[in-house]
Amino acid sequence: MELQDRIRERAYEIWNASGRVHGRAEQHWLAAERQVLSEKAAQLTAVTAFADQKKPRRQRARAIR
């Protein structure tokens, strides 16, 4: 699923959960964007940490310098 589609879906969920109040689309979009991007960042951090664990110890030490 594309990033913008996921944000749109999450914004709709937020709108629905907040009682379907009209006139707050931008606020719902921005909140959804923050949430989705935060999830993506956490996933990327987890993948990067996992990949670092797979490197031999010497390569990890060099990468830190």
C-alpha atoms as a PDB file:
ATOM      1  CA  MET A   1       0.000   0.000   0.000  1.00  0.00           C
ATOM      2  CA  GLU A   2       1.314   3.424  -0.919  1.00  0.00           C
ATOM      3  CA  LEU A   3       2.189   5.840   1.860  1.00  0.00           C
ATOM      4  CA  GLN A   4      -0.431   8.394   0.820  1.00  0.00           C
ATOM      5  CA  ASP A   5      -3.105   5.684   0.713  1.00  0.00           C
ATOM      6  CA  ARG A   6      -2.211   4.567   4.230  1.00  0.00           C
ATOM      7  CA  ILE A   7      -2.359   8.166   5.475  1.00  0.00           C
ATOM      8  CA  ARG A   8      -5.737   8.662   3.792  1.00  0.00           C
ATOM      9  CA  GLU A   9      -7.049   5.465   5.382  1.00  0.00           C
ATOM     10  CA  ARG A  10      -5.779   6.492   8.828  1.00  0.00           C
ATOM     11  CA  ALA A  11      -7.240  10.011   8.453  1.00  0.00           C
ATOM     12  CA  TYR A  12     -10.605   8.422   7.700  1.00  0.00           C
ATOM     13  CA  GLU A  13     -10.281   6.236  10.811  1.00  0.00           C
ATOM     14  CA  ILE A  14      -9.500   9.322  12.913  1.00  0.00           C
ATOM     15  CA  TRP A  15     -12.442  11.216  11.394  1.00  0.00           C
ATOM     16  CA  ASN A  16     -14.732   8.278  12.066  1.00  0.00           C
ATOM     17  CA  ALA A  17     -13.501   7.869  15.662  1.00  0.00           C
ATOM     18  CA  SER A  18     -13.950  11.576  16.382  1.00  0.00           C
ATOM     19  CA  GLY A  19     -17.649  11.490  15.554  1.00  0.00           C
ATOM     20  CA  ARG A  20     -17.419  12.363  11.849  1.00  0.00           C
ATOM     21  CA  VAL A  21     -17.101  16.063  12.560  1.00  0.00           C
ATOM     22  CA  HIS A  22     -16.734  17.991   9.307  1.00  0.00           C
ATOM     23  CA  GLY A  23     -14.340  20.893   8.830  1.00  0.00           C
ATOM     24  CA  ARG A  24     -11.350  19.226  10.455  1.00  0.00           C
ATOM     25  CA  ALA A  25      -9.983  17.311   7.464  1.00  0.00           C
ATOM     26  CA  GLU A  26      -6.586  19.013   7.622  1.00  0.00           C
ATOM     27  CA  GLN A  27      -6.191  18.224  11.326  1.00  0.00           C
ATOM     28  CA  HIS A  28      -7.180  14.603  10.727  1.00  0.00           C
ATOM     29  CA  TRP A  29      -4.765  14.351   7.785  1.00  0.00           C
ATOM     30  CA  LEU A  30      -1.854  15.809   9.769  1.00  0.00           C
ATOM     31  CA  ALA A  31      -2.520  13.532  12.729  1.00  0.00           C
ATOM     32  CA  ALA A  32      -2.691  10.525  10.417  1.00  0.00           C
ATOM     33  CA  GLU A  33       0.495  11.594   8.665  1.00  0.00           C
ATOM     34  CA  ARG A  34       2.348  11.859  11.994  1.00  0.00           C
ATOM     35  CA  GLN A  35       1.130   8.426  13.078  1.00  0.00           C
ATOM     36  CA  VAL A  36       1.904   6.646   9.809  1.00  0.00           C
ATOM     37  CA  LEU A  37       5.339   8.239   9.440  1.00  0.00           C
ATOM     38  CA  SER A  38       6.133   7.384  13.054  1.00  0.00           C
ATOM     39  CA  GLU A  39       5.194   3.743  12.389  1.00  0.00           C
ATOM     40  CA  LYS A  40       7.377   3.709   9.265  1.00  0.00           C
ATOM     41  CA  ALA A  41      10.321   5.194  11.189  1.00  0.00           C
ATOM     42  CA  ALA A  42       9.958   2.559  13.910  1.00  0.00           C
ATOM     43  CA  GLN A  43       9.907  -0.194  11.287  1.00  0.00           C
ATOM     44  CA  LEU A  44      12.999   1.207   9.599  1.00  0.00           C
ATOM     45  CA  THR A  45      14.808   1.440  12.936  1.00  0.00           C
ATOM     46  CA  ALA A  46      13.936  -2.173  13.724  1.00  0.00           C
ATOM     47  CA  VAL A  47      15.115  -3.387  10.307  1.00  0.00           C
ATOM     48  CA  THR A  48      18.354  -1.421  10.603  1.00  0.00           C
ATOM     49  CA  ALA A  49      19.015  -2.784  14.098  1.00  0.00           C
ATOM     50  CA  PHE A  50      18.363  -6.326  12.880  1.00  0.00           C
ATOM     51  CA  ALA A  51      20.692  -5.866   9.906  1.00  0.00           C
ATOM     52  CA  ASP A  52      23.418  -4.504  12.210  1.00  0.00           C
ATOM     53  CA  GLN A  53      23.128  -7.593  14.406  1.00  0.00           C
ATOM     54  CA  LYS A  54      23.795  -9.784  11.386  1.00  0.00           C
ATOM     55  CA  LYS A  55      27.108  -8.055  10.602  1.00  0.00           C
ATOM     56  CA  PRO A  56      30.285  -9.527  12.022  1.00  0.00           C
ATOM     57  CA  ARG A  57      31.375  -7.742  15.188  1.00  0.00           C
ATOM     58  CA  ARG A  58      34.380  -6.103  13.481  1.00  0.00           C
ATOM     59  CA  GLN A  59      32.175  -4.457  10.817  1.00  0.00           C
ATOM     60  CA  ARG A  60      29.789  -3.129  13.469  1.00  0.00           C
ATOM     61  CA  ALA A  61      32.678  -1.549  15.383  1.00  0.00           C
ATOM     62  CA  ARG A  62      33.969   0.143  12.213  1.00  0.00           C
ATOM     63  CA  ALA A  63      30.525   1.470  11.388  1.00  0.00           C
ATOM     64  CA  ILE A  64      30.299   3.195  14.762  1.00  0.00           C
ATOM     65  CA  ARG A  65      33.536   5.204  14.279  1.00  0.00           C
END
